[in-house]
């Protein structure tokens, strides 16, 4: 909104506190995908809770799956 001079958190109310990757759809910047966490926990990362998708530029999120794969490591 202002060239990155200030930030507003958009993922604070989800179950995961860690984000491993973010992708914005080139066809629609309102569609955002987030891969949460990592498959293994360490001092620099935390367990994930799957892959999330937002269709309203991060206002709301839906867990799209992979909870078990990420949290169980397999």
Protein backbone atom coordinates (compact mmCIF):
# COMPACT_ATOMS: atom_id res chain seq x y z
CA UNK A 1 0.00 0.00 0.00
CA UNK A 2 2.83 2.42 0.79
CA UNK A 3 5.91 0.89 -0.85
CA UNK A 4 6.65 -1.26 2.21
CA UNK A 5 7.02 1.56 4.71
CA UNK A 6 4.60 -0.14 7.09
CA UNK A 7 3.28 -3.66 7.47
CA UNK A 8 0.04 -5.22 8.63
CA UNK A 9 0.04 -8.87 9.81
CA UNK A 10 -2.33 -11.07 7.80
CA UNK A 11 -1.55 -14.57 9.13
CA UNK A 12 -1.61 -14.05 12.91
CA UNK A 13 -4.94 -15.83 13.49
CA UNK A 14 -4.04 -19.14 11.85
CA UNK A 15 -2.91 -22.30 13.66
CA UNK A 16 0.66 -22.16 12.37
CA UNK A 17 3.23 -19.60 13.50
CA UNK A 18 5.71 -20.41 10.76
CA UNK A 19 5.63 -19.76 7.02
CA UNK A 20 7.90 -21.71 4.68
CA UNK A 21 6.83 -20.22 1.35
CA UNK A 22 4.46 -17.68 -0.20
CA UNK A 23 3.12 -17.50 -3.76
CA UNK A 24 0.88 -14.89 -5.36
CA UNK A 25 -1.08 -15.98 -8.45
CA UNK A 26 0.20 -14.04 -11.47
CA UNK A 27 -3.31 -14.07 -12.92
CA UNK A 28 -4.93 -12.57 -9.80
CA UNK A 29 -2.96 -10.86 -6.97
CA UNK A 30 -5.85 -11.51 -4.56
CA UNK A 31 -5.05 -15.25 -4.67
CA UNK A 32 -2.25 -16.00 -2.22
CA UNK A 33 -0.88 -19.44 -1.27
CA UNK A 34 1.12 -20.04 1.93
CA UNK A 35 3.05 -23.15 2.82
CA UNK A 36 3.25 -23.17 6.58
CA UNK A 37 6.22 -24.35 8.58
CA UNK A 38 8.53 -27.24 7.91
CA UNK A 39 8.32 -31.02 8.10
CA UNK A 40 10.92 -31.06 10.88
CA UNK A 41 11.24 -28.69 13.78
CA UNK A 42 14.52 -27.00 14.68
CA UNK A 43 15.66 -23.86 16.45
CA UNK A 44 14.98 -21.71 13.39
CA UNK A 45 11.65 -23.22 12.21
CA UNK A 46 8.45 -24.62 13.64
CA UNK A 47 6.04 -27.36 12.61
CA UNK A 48 3.65 -26.42 9.86
CA UNK A 49 -0.08 -26.93 9.55
CA UNK A 50 -0.44 -27.51 5.82
CA UNK A 51 -1.01 -25.27 2.82
CA UNK A 52 -3.30 -22.26 3.06
CA UNK A 53 -5.06 -20.27 0.34
CA UNK A 54 -6.58 -16.80 0.41
CA UNK A 55 -8.78 -15.43 -2.37
CA UNK A 56 -9.13 -11.98 -0.81
CA UNK A 57 -5.50 -10.86 -0.58
CA UNK A 58 -4.93 -12.38 2.86
CA UNK A 59 -8.02 -11.16 4.70
CA UNK A 60 -9.21 -14.76 5.23
CA UNK A 61 -7.46 -18.12 4.87
CA UNK A 62 -8.55 -21.69 4.14
CA UNK A 63 -6.37 -24.69 4.94
CA UNK A 64 -6.20 -26.60 1.65
CA UNK A 65 -4.60 -29.75 3.05
CA UNK A 66 -1.32 -31.50 3.78
CA UNK A 67 -1.78 -31.08 7.55
CA UNK A 68 -0.88 -34.71 8.21
CA UNK A 69 2.00 -34.79 5.75
CA UNK A 70 3.61 -31.70 7.25
CA UNK A 71 2.95 -32.36 10.92
CA UNK A 72 3.89 -36.05 10.81
CA UNK A 73 6.92 -35.60 8.60
CA UNK A 74 5.70 -38.01 5.93
